[in-house]
PDB file of all heavy atoms in Angstrom:
ATOM      1  N   GLU A   1       0.849  -1.198   0.004  1.00  0.00           N
ATOM      2  CA  GLU A   1      -0.005   0.005  -0.008  1.00  0.00           C
ATOM      3  C   GLU A   1       0.881   1.242  -0.004  1.00  0.00           C
ATOM      4  O   GLU A   1       1.849   1.349   0.763  1.00  0.00           O
ATOM      5  CB  GLU A   1      -0.893   0.017   1.244  1.00  0.00           C
ATOM      6  CG  GLU A   1      -1.798   1.209   1.310  1.00  0.00           C
ATOM      7  CD  GLU A   1      -2.669   1.176   2.571  1.00  0.00           C
ATOM      8  OE1 GLU A   1      -2.866   0.100   3.162  1.00  0.00           O
ATOM      9  OE2 GLU A   1      -3.143   2.275   2.955  1.00  0.00           O
ATOM     10  N   VAL A   2       0.552   2.213  -0.869  1.00  0.00           N
ATOM     11  CA  VAL A   2       1.308   3.444  -0.920  1.00  0.00           C
ATOM     12  C   VAL A   2       1.026   4.264   0.324  1.00  0.00           C
ATOM     13  O   VAL A   2      -0.116   4.602   0.618  1.00  0.00           O
ATOM     14  CB  VAL A   2       0.957   4.289  -2.168  1.00  0.00           C
ATOM     15  CG1 VAL A   2       1.690   5.616  -2.164  1.00  0.00           C
ATOM     16  CG2 VAL A   2       1.281   3.503  -3.433  1.00  0.00           C
ATOM     17  N   ILE A   3       2.099   4.543   1.062  1.00  0.00           N
ATOM     18  CA  ILE A   3       1.988   5.343   2.312  1.00  0.00           C
ATOM     19  C   ILE A   3       2.288   6.812   2.019  1.00  0.00           C
ATOM     20  O   ILE A   3       1.672   7.693   2.521  1.00  0.00           O
ATOM     21  CB  ILE A   3       2.950   4.799   3.380  1.00  0.00           C
ATOM     22  CG1 ILE A   3       2.670   3.336   3.693  1.00  0.00           C
ATOM     23  CG2 ILE A   3       2.912   5.660   4.636  1.00  0.00           C
ATOM     24  CD1 ILE A   3       1.268   3.040   4.165  1.00  0.00           C
ATOM     25  N   SER A   4       3.326   6.998   1.173  1.00  0.00           N
ATOM     26  CA  SER A   4       3.727   8.381   0.849  1.00  0.00           C
ATOM     27  C   SER A   4       4.426   8.368  -0.507  1.00  0.00           C
ATOM     28  O   SER A   4       5.090   7.415  -0.875  1.00  0.00           O
ATOM     29  CB  SER A   4       4.684   8.880   1.935  1.00  0.00           C
ATOM     30  OG  SER A   4       5.055  10.207   1.715  1.00  0.00           O
ATOM     31  N   ALA A   5       4.282   9.462  -1.228  1.00  0.00           N
ATOM     32  CA  ALA A   5       4.960   9.643  -2.542  1.00  0.00           C
ATOM     33  C   ALA A   5       5.124  11.124  -2.792  1.00  0.00           C
ATOM     34  O   ALA A   5       4.175  11.875  -2.553  1.00  0.00           O
ATOM     35  CB  ALA A   5       4.193   8.991  -3.665  1.00  0.00           C
ATOM     36  N   VAL A   6       6.295  11.516  -3.256  1.00  0.00           N
ATOM     37  CA  VAL A   6       6.525  12.945  -3.481  1.00  0.00           C
ATOM     38  C   VAL A   6       7.602  13.126  -4.556  1.00  0.00           C
ATOM     39  O   VAL A   6       8.532  12.346  -4.668  1.00  0.00           O
ATOM     40  CB  VAL A   6       6.941  13.670  -2.167  1.00  0.00           C
ATOM     41  CG1 VAL A   6       8.241  13.158  -1.616  1.00  0.00           C
ATOM     42  CG2 VAL A   6       6.945  15.160  -2.309  1.00  0.00           C
ATOM     43  N   GLN A   7       7.453  14.156  -5.388  1.00  0.00           N
ATOM     44  CA  GLN A   7       8.419  14.449  -6.408  1.00  0.00           C
ATOM     45  C   GLN A   7       9.454  15.471  -5.875  1.00  0.00           C
ATOM     46  O   GLN A   7       9.126  16.359  -5.066  1.00  0.00           O
ATOM     47  CB  GLN A   7       7.737  15.113  -7.636  1.00  0.00           C
ATOM     48  CG  GLN A   7       6.895  14.092  -8.411  1.00  0.00           C
ATOM     49  CD  GLN A   7       6.335  14.708  -9.635  1.00  0.00           C
ATOM     50  OE1 GLN A   7       5.810  15.845  -9.622  1.00  0.00           O
ATOM     51  NE2 GLN A   7       6.399  13.991 -10.749  1.00  0.00           N
ATOM     52  N   GLU A   8      10.662  15.338  -6.298  1.00  0.00           N
ATOM     53  CA  GLU A   8      11.785  16.172  -5.839  1.00  0.00           C
ATOM     54  C   GLU A   8      11.542  17.656  -6.179  1.00  0.00           C
ATOM     55  O   GLU A   8      11.961  18.526  -5.418  1.00  0.00           O
ATOM     56  CB  GLU A   8      13.079  15.663  -6.435  1.00  0.00           C
ATOM     57  CG  GLU A   8      14.315  16.333  -5.834  1.00  0.00           C
ATOM     58  CD  GLU A   8      14.618  15.976  -4.405  1.00  0.00           C
ATOM     59  OE1 GLU A   8      13.959  15.109  -3.835  1.00  0.00           O
ATOM     60  OE2 GLU A   8      15.559  16.587  -3.863  1.00  0.00           O
ATOM     61  N   GLU A   9      10.875  17.939  -7.276  1.00  0.00           N
ATOM     62  CA  GLU A   9      10.658  19.331  -7.683  1.00  0.00           C
ATOM     63  C   GLU A   9       9.861  20.115  -6.653  1.00  0.00           C
ATOM     64  O   GLU A   9       9.915  21.352  -6.602  1.00  0.00           O
ATOM     65  CB  GLU A   9       9.986  19.401  -9.053  1.00  0.00           C
ATOM     66  CG  GLU A   9       8.556  18.980  -9.096  1.00  0.00           C
ATOM     67  CD  GLU A   9       7.946  19.139 -10.495  1.00  0.00           C
ATOM     68  OE1 GLU A   9       8.670  18.960 -11.504  1.00  0.00           O
ATOM     69  OE2 GLU A   9       6.761  19.408 -10.568  1.00  0.00           O
ATOM     70  N   ARG A  10       9.120  19.435  -5.776  1.00  0.00           N
ATOM     71  CA  ARG A  10       8.376  20.127  -4.729  1.00  0.00           C
ATOM     72  C   ARG A  10       9.317  20.807  -3.738  1.00  0.00           C
ATOM     73  O   ARG A  10       8.945  21.767  -3.090  1.00  0.00           O
ATOM     74  CB  ARG A  10       7.446  19.172  -3.983  1.00  0.00           C
ATOM     75  CG  ARG A  10       6.436  18.515  -4.855  1.00  0.00           C
ATOM     76  CD  ARG A  10       5.465  19.515  -5.458  1.00  0.00           C
ATOM     77  NE  ARG A  10       4.539  18.859  -6.345  1.00  0.00           N
ATOM     78  CZ  ARG A  10       4.078  19.396  -7.445  1.00  0.00           C
ATOM     79  NH1 ARG A  10       4.482  20.583  -7.817  1.00  0.00           N
ATOM     80  NH2 ARG A  10       3.251  18.774  -8.210  1.00  0.00           N
ATOM     81  N   PHE A  11      10.525  20.258  -3.588  1.00  0.00           N
ATOM     82  CA  PHE A  11      11.499  20.791  -2.656  1.00  0.00           C
ATOM     83  C   PHE A  11      12.530  21.676  -3.350  1.00  0.00           C
ATOM     84  O   PHE A  11      12.923  22.692  -2.837  1.00  0.00           O
ATOM     85  CB  PHE A  11      12.200  19.652  -1.911  1.00  0.00           C
ATOM     86  CG  PHE A  11      11.230  18.772  -1.193  1.00  0.00           C
ATOM     87  CD1 PHE A  11      10.865  17.560  -1.677  1.00  0.00           C
ATOM     88  CD2 PHE A  11      10.666  19.191   0.023  1.00  0.00           C
ATOM     89  CE1 PHE A  11       9.972  16.753  -1.023  1.00  0.00           C
ATOM     90  CE2 PHE A  11       9.768  18.401   0.682  1.00  0.00           C
ATOM     91  CZ  PHE A  11       9.399  17.157   0.151  1.00  0.00           C
ATOM     92  N   SER A  12      12.973  21.243  -4.525  1.00  0.00           N
ATOM     93  CA  SER A  12      14.022  21.976  -5.247  1.00  0.00           C
ATOM     94  C   SER A  12      13.457  23.188  -5.989  1.00  0.00           C
ATOM     95  O   SER A  12      14.229  24.085  -6.362  1.00  0.00           O
ATOM     96  CB  SER A  12      14.734  21.057  -6.251  1.00  0.00           C
ATOM     97  OG  SER A  12      13.859  20.692  -7.299  1.00  0.00           O
ATOM     98  N   ARG A  13      12.164  23.183  -6.260  1.00  0.00           N
ATOM     99  CA  ARG A  13      11.483  24.223  -7.046  1.00  0.00           C
ATOM    100  C   ARG A  13      12.023  24.289  -8.472  1.00  0.00           C
ATOM    101  O   ARG A  13      11.927  25.298  -9.147  1.00  0.00           O
ATOM    102  CB  ARG A  13      11.629  25.575  -6.357  1.00  0.00           C
ATOM    103  CG  ARG A  13      11.213  25.590  -4.889  1.00  0.00           C
ATOM    104  CD  ARG A  13       9.797  25.261  -4.647  1.00  0.00           C
ATOM    105  NE  ARG A  13       8.948  26.373  -5.023  1.00  0.00           N
ATOM    106  CZ  ARG A  13       7.640  26.321  -5.163  1.00  0.00           C
ATOM    107  NH1 ARG A  13       7.023  25.204  -4.965  1.00  0.00           N
ATOM    108  NH2 ARG A  13       6.952  27.365  -5.487  1.00  0.00           N
ATOM    109  N   LYS A  14      12.587  23.180  -8.941  1.00  0.00           N
ATOM    110  CA  LYS A  14      13.117  23.071 -10.311  1.00  0.00           C
ATOM    111  C   LYS A  14      12.170  22.161 -11.094  1.00  0.00           C
ATOM    112  O   LYS A  14      12.095  20.942 -10.799  1.00  0.00           O
ATOM    113  CB  LYS A  14      14.529  22.499 -10.293  1.00  0.00           C
ATOM    114  CG  LYS A  14      15.111  22.312 -11.669  1.00  0.00           C
ATOM    115  CD  LYS A  14      16.504  21.692 -11.566  1.00  0.00           C
ATOM    116  CE  LYS A  14      16.988  21.283 -12.933  1.00  0.00           C
ATOM    117  NZ  LYS A  14      18.209  20.469 -12.869  1.00  0.00           N
ATOM    118  N   LYS A  15      11.453  22.707 -12.035  1.00  0.00           N
ATOM    119  CA  LYS A  15      10.493  21.942 -12.819  1.00  0.00           C
ATOM    120  C   LYS A  15      11.187  20.775 -13.539  1.00  0.00           C
ATOM    121  O   LYS A  15      12.253  20.933 -14.116  1.00  0.00           O
ATOM    122  CB  LYS A  15       9.835  22.858 -13.863  1.00  0.00           C
ATOM    123  CG  LYS A  15       8.623  22.274 -14.534  1.00  0.00           C
ATOM    124  CD  LYS A  15       7.477  22.224 -13.557  1.00  0.00           C
ATOM    125  CE  LYS A  15       6.249  21.738 -14.299  1.00  0.00           C
ATOM    126  NZ  LYS A  15       5.234  21.278 -13.400  1.00  0.00           N
ATOM    127  N   HIS A  16      10.619  19.609 -13.479  1.00  0.00           N
ATOM    128  CA  HIS A  16      11.134  18.373 -14.075  1.00  0.00           C
ATOM    129  C   HIS A  16      12.511  18.002 -13.545  1.00  0.00           C
ATOM    130  O   HIS A  16      13.369  17.515 -14.274  1.00  0.00           O
ATOM    131  CB  HIS A  16      11.150  18.460 -15.596  1.00  0.00           C
ATOM    132  CG  HIS A  16       9.818  18.803 -16.181  1.00  0.00           C
ATOM    133  ND1 HIS A  16       8.707  18.037 -15.986  1.00  0.00           N
ATOM    134  CD2 HIS A  16       9.421  19.878 -16.925  1.00  0.00           C
ATOM    135  CE1 HIS A  16       7.666  18.568 -16.609  1.00  0.00           C
ATOM    136  NE2 HIS A  16       8.064  19.717 -17.181  1.00  0.00           N
ATOM    137  N   ASP A  17      12.759  18.260 -12.271  1.00  0.00           N
ATOM    138  CA  ASP A  17      14.030  17.945 -11.614  1.00  0.00           C
ATOM    139  C   ASP A  17      14.365  16.480 -11.817  1.00  0.00           C
ATOM    140  O   ASP A  17      13.584  15.602 -11.492  1.00  0.00           O
ATOM    141  CB  ASP A  17      13.958  18.289 -10.146  1.00  0.00           C
ATOM    142  CG  ASP A  17      15.262  18.264  -9.445  1.00  0.00           C
ATOM    143  OD1 ASP A  17      16.231  17.724 -10.010  1.00  0.00           O
ATOM    144  OD2 ASP A  17      15.362  18.790  -8.312  1.00  0.00           O
ATOM    145  N   ASP A  18      15.570  16.195 -12.342  1.00  0.00           N
ATOM    146  CA  ASP A  18      15.964  14.815 -12.590  1.00  0.00           C
ATOM    147  C   ASP A  18      17.124  14.376 -11.658  1.00  0.00           C
ATOM    148  O   ASP A  18      17.697  13.318 -11.872  1.00  0.00           O
ATOM    149  CB  ASP A  18      16.358  14.640 -14.053  1.00  0.00           C
ATOM    150  CG  ASP A  18      17.589  15.439 -14.446  1.00  0.00           C
ATOM    151  OD1 ASP A  18      18.074  16.260 -13.638  1.00  0.00           O
ATOM    152  OD2 ASP A  18      18.066  15.267 -15.579  1.00  0.00           O
ATOM    153  N   SER A  19      17.393  15.128 -10.618  1.00  0.00           N
ATOM    154  CA  SER A  19      18.476  14.786  -9.676  1.00  0.00           C
ATOM    155  C   SER A  19      18.051  13.665  -8.742  1.00  0.00           C
ATOM    156  O   SER A  19      16.896  13.234  -8.724  1.00  0.00           O
ATOM    157  CB  SER A  19      18.878  16.029  -8.893  1.00  0.00           C
ATOM    158  OG  SER A  19      17.804  16.446  -8.058  1.00  0.00           O
ATOM    159  N   PHE A  20      19.013  13.163  -7.955  1.00  0.00           N
ATOM    160  CA  PHE A  20      18.694  12.147  -6.975  1.00  0.00           C
ATOM    161  C   PHE A  20      17.777  12.762  -5.908  1.00  0.00           C
ATOM    162  O   PHE A  20      18.082  13.859  -5.415  1.00  0.00           O
ATOM    163  CB  PHE A  20      19.954  11.589  -6.318  1.00  0.00           C
ATOM    164  CG  PHE A  20      19.698  10.389  -5.490  1.00  0.00           C
ATOM    165  CD1 PHE A  20      19.651   9.147  -6.091  1.00  0.00           C
ATOM    166  CD2 PHE A  20      19.470  10.475  -4.123  1.00  0.00           C
ATOM    167  CE1 PHE A  20      19.410   8.005  -5.331  1.00  0.00           C
ATOM    168  CE2 PHE A  20      19.194   9.336  -3.388  1.00  0.00           C
ATOM    169  CZ  PHE A  20      19.165   8.100  -3.955  1.00  0.00           C
ATOM    170  N   PRO A  21      16.666  12.102  -5.533  1.00  0.00           N
ATOM    171  CA  PRO A  21      15.659  12.702  -4.675  1.00  0.00           C
ATOM    172  C   PRO A  21      15.993  12.661  -3.150  1.00  0.00           C
ATOM    173  O   PRO A  21      15.261  12.151  -2.348  1.00  0.00           O
ATOM    174  CB  PRO A  21      14.414  11.897  -4.975  1.00  0.00           C
ATOM    175  CG  PRO A  21      14.938  10.547  -5.312  1.00  0.00           C
ATOM    176  CD  PRO A  21      16.209  10.809  -6.050  1.00  0.00           C
ATOM    177  N   PHE A  22      17.132  13.271  -2.782  1.00  0.00           N
ATOM    178  CA  PHE A  22      17.550  13.268  -1.366  1.00  0.00           C
ATOM    179  C   PHE A  22      16.459  13.913  -0.472  1.00  0.00           C
ATOM    180  O   PHE A  22      16.147  13.375   0.578  1.00  0.00           O
ATOM    181  CB  PHE A  22      18.841  14.069  -1.205  1.00  0.00           C
ATOM    182  CG  PHE A  22      20.050  13.382  -1.721  1.00  0.00           C
ATOM    183  CD1 PHE A  22      20.691  13.858  -2.871  1.00  0.00           C
ATOM    184  CD2 PHE A  22      20.586  12.263  -1.097  1.00  0.00           C
ATOM    185  CE1 PHE A  22      21.823  13.246  -3.360  1.00  0.00           C
ATOM    186  CE2 PHE A  22      21.713  11.623  -1.605  1.00  0.00           C
ATOM    187  CZ  PHE A  22      22.339  12.102  -2.740  1.00  0.00           C
ATOM    188  N   GLN A  23      15.965  15.043  -0.911  1.00  0.00           N
ATOM    189  CA  GLN A  23      14.988  15.755  -0.077  1.00  0.00           C
ATOM    190  C   GLN A  23      13.662  15.016   0.005  1.00  0.00           C
ATOM    191  O   GLN A  23      12.981  15.057   1.043  1.00  0.00           O
ATOM    192  CB  GLN A  23      14.769  17.181  -0.642  1.00  0.00           C
ATOM    193  CG  GLN A  23      16.026  18.039  -0.540  1.00  0.00           C
ATOM    194  CD  GLN A  23      15.821  19.388  -1.138  1.00  0.00           C
ATOM    195  OE1 GLN A  23      15.427  20.315  -0.447  1.00  0.00           O
ATOM    196  NE2 GLN A  23      16.074  19.543  -2.457  1.00  0.00           N
ATOM    197  N   SER A  24      13.274  14.359  -1.074  1.00  0.00           N
ATOM    198  CA  SER A  24      12.034  13.595  -1.057  1.00  0.00           C
ATOM    199  C   SER A  24      12.154  12.408  -0.093  1.00  0.00           C
ATOM    200  O   SER A  24      11.187  12.125   0.659  1.00  0.00           O
ATOM    201  CB  SER A  24      11.701  13.058  -2.471  1.00  0.00           C
ATOM    202  OG  SER A  24      11.473  14.099  -3.358  1.00  0.00           O
ATOM    203  N   ILE A  25      13.283  11.728  -0.121  1.00  0.00           N
ATOM    204  CA  ILE A  25      13.512  10.602   0.794  1.00  0.00           C
ATOM    205  C   ILE A  25      13.501  11.084   2.248  1.00  0.00           C
ATOM    206  O   ILE A  25      12.854  10.471   3.109  1.00  0.00           O
ATOM    207  CB  ILE A  25      14.833   9.881   0.445  1.00  0.00           C
ATOM    208  CG1 ILE A  25      14.718   9.238  -0.921  1.00  0.00           C
ATOM    209  CG2 ILE A  25      15.186   8.893   1.529  1.00  0.00           C
ATOM    210  CD1 ILE A  25      16.026   8.764  -1.502  1.00  0.00           C
ATOM    211  N   LYS A  26      14.177  12.178   2.494  1.00  0.00           N
ATOM    212  CA  LYS A  26      14.228  12.729   3.848  1.00  0.00           C
ATOM    213  C   LYS A  26      12.798  13.048   4.326  1.00  0.00           C
ATOM    214  O   LYS A  26      12.430  12.733   5.440  1.00  0.00           O
ATOM    215  CB  LYS A  26      15.107  13.982   3.882  1.00  0.00           C
ATOM    216  CG  LYS A  26      15.190  14.615   5.231  1.00  0.00           C
ATOM    217  CD  LYS A  26      16.065  15.859   5.201  1.00  0.00           C
ATOM    218  CE  LYS A  26      16.051  16.523   6.570  1.00  0.00           C
ATOM    219  NZ  LYS A  26      16.547  17.845   6.594  1.00  0.00           N
ATOM    220  N   TYR A  27      12.004  13.694   3.476  1.00  0.00           N
ATOM    221  CA  TYR A  27      10.636  14.039   3.832  1.00  0.00           C
ATOM    222  C   TYR A  27       9.821  12.786   4.158  1.00  0.00           C
ATOM    223  O   TYR A  27       9.106  12.742   5.137  1.00  0.00           O
ATOM    224  CB  TYR A  27       9.985  14.829   2.681  1.00  0.00           C
ATOM    225  CG  TYR A  27       8.511  15.021   2.885  1.00  0.00           C
ATOM    226  CD1 TYR A  27       8.045  16.045   3.719  1.00  0.00           C
ATOM    227  CD2 TYR A  27       7.583  14.182   2.312  1.00  0.00           C
ATOM    228  CE1 TYR A  27       6.682  16.199   3.929  1.00  0.00           C
ATOM    229  CE2 TYR A  27       6.214  14.330   2.517  1.00  0.00           C
ATOM    230  CZ  TYR A  27       5.777  15.361   3.341  1.00  0.00           C
ATOM    231  OH  TYR A  27       4.433  15.521   3.565  1.00  0.00           O
ATOM    232  N   ILE A  28       9.894  11.800   3.312  1.00  0.00           N
ATOM    233  CA  ILE A  28       9.118  10.553   3.523  1.00  0.00           C
ATOM    234  C   ILE A  28       9.488   9.903   4.827  1.00  0.00           C
ATOM    235  O   ILE A  28       8.618   9.496   5.586  1.00  0.00           O
ATOM    236  CB  ILE A  28       9.304   9.611   2.308  1.00  0.00           C
ATOM    237  CG1 ILE A  28       8.485  10.122   1.127  1.00  0.00           C
ATOM    238  CG2 ILE A  28       8.859   8.189   2.684  1.00  0.00           C
ATOM    239  CD1 ILE A  28       8.725   9.363  -0.148  1.00  0.00           C
ATOM    240  N   LEU A  29      10.783   9.780   5.099  1.00  0.00           N
ATOM    241  CA  LEU A  29      11.201   9.136   6.341  1.00  0.00           C
ATOM    242  C   LEU A  29      10.763   9.919   7.577  1.00  0.00           C
ATOM    243  O   LEU A  29      10.240   9.363   8.515  1.00  0.00           O
ATOM    244  CB  LEU A  29      12.711   8.940   6.348  1.00  0.00           C
ATOM    245  CG  LEU A  29      13.293   7.988   5.309  1.00  0.00           C
ATOM    246  CD1 LEU A  29      14.799   7.991   5.322  1.00  0.00           C
ATOM    247  CD2 LEU A  29      12.730   6.597   5.469  1.00  0.00           C
ATOM    248  N   GLU A  30      10.950  11.224   7.544  1.00  0.00           N
ATOM    249  CA  GLU A  30      10.533  12.054   8.675  1.00  0.00           C
ATOM    250  C   GLU A  30       9.021  12.078   8.834  1.00  0.00           C
ATOM    251  O   GLU A  30       8.528  11.955   9.955  1.00  0.00           O
ATOM    252  CB  GLU A  30      11.069  13.494   8.503  1.00  0.00           C
ATOM    253  CG  GLU A  30      12.565  13.605   8.684  1.00  0.00           C
ATOM    254  CD  GLU A  30      13.100  15.010   8.431  1.00  0.00           C
ATOM    255  OE1 GLU A  30      12.328  15.897   8.001  1.00  0.00           O
ATOM    256  OE2 GLU A  30      14.321  15.189   8.640  1.00  0.00           O
ATOM    257  N   ASN A  31       8.302  12.205   7.749  1.00  0.00           N
ATOM    258  CA  ASN A  31       6.851  12.262   7.826  1.00  0.00           C
ATOM    259  C   ASN A  31       6.265  10.944   8.303  1.00  0.00           C
ATOM    260  O   ASN A  31       5.215  10.935   9.014  1.00  0.00           O
ATOM    261  CB  ASN A  31       6.282  12.629   6.453  1.00  0.00           C
ATOM    262  CG  ASN A  31       4.835  12.969   6.484  1.00  0.00           C
ATOM    263  OD1 ASN A  31       4.411  13.801   7.266  1.00  0.00           O
ATOM    264  ND2 ASN A  31       4.040  12.312   5.653  1.00  0.00           N
ATOM    265  N   SER A  32       6.899   9.827   7.989  1.00  0.00           N
ATOM    266  CA  SER A  32       6.420   8.513   8.376  1.00  0.00           C
ATOM    267  C   SER A  32       6.974   8.105   9.718  1.00  0.00           C
ATOM    268  O   SER A  32       6.634   7.002  10.209  1.00  0.00           O
ATOM    269  CB  SER A  32       6.798   7.483   7.310  1.00  0.00           C
ATOM    270  OG  SER A  32       6.236   7.844   6.064  1.00  0.00           O
TER     271      SER A  32
END
């Protein structure tokens, strides 16, 4: 079951960000 999902561009503010999602992972772990 999907608990959380987030795109990196929400944190980097860079449209279509293709970098490694460090901030997304951090958010998911902290939020969960």
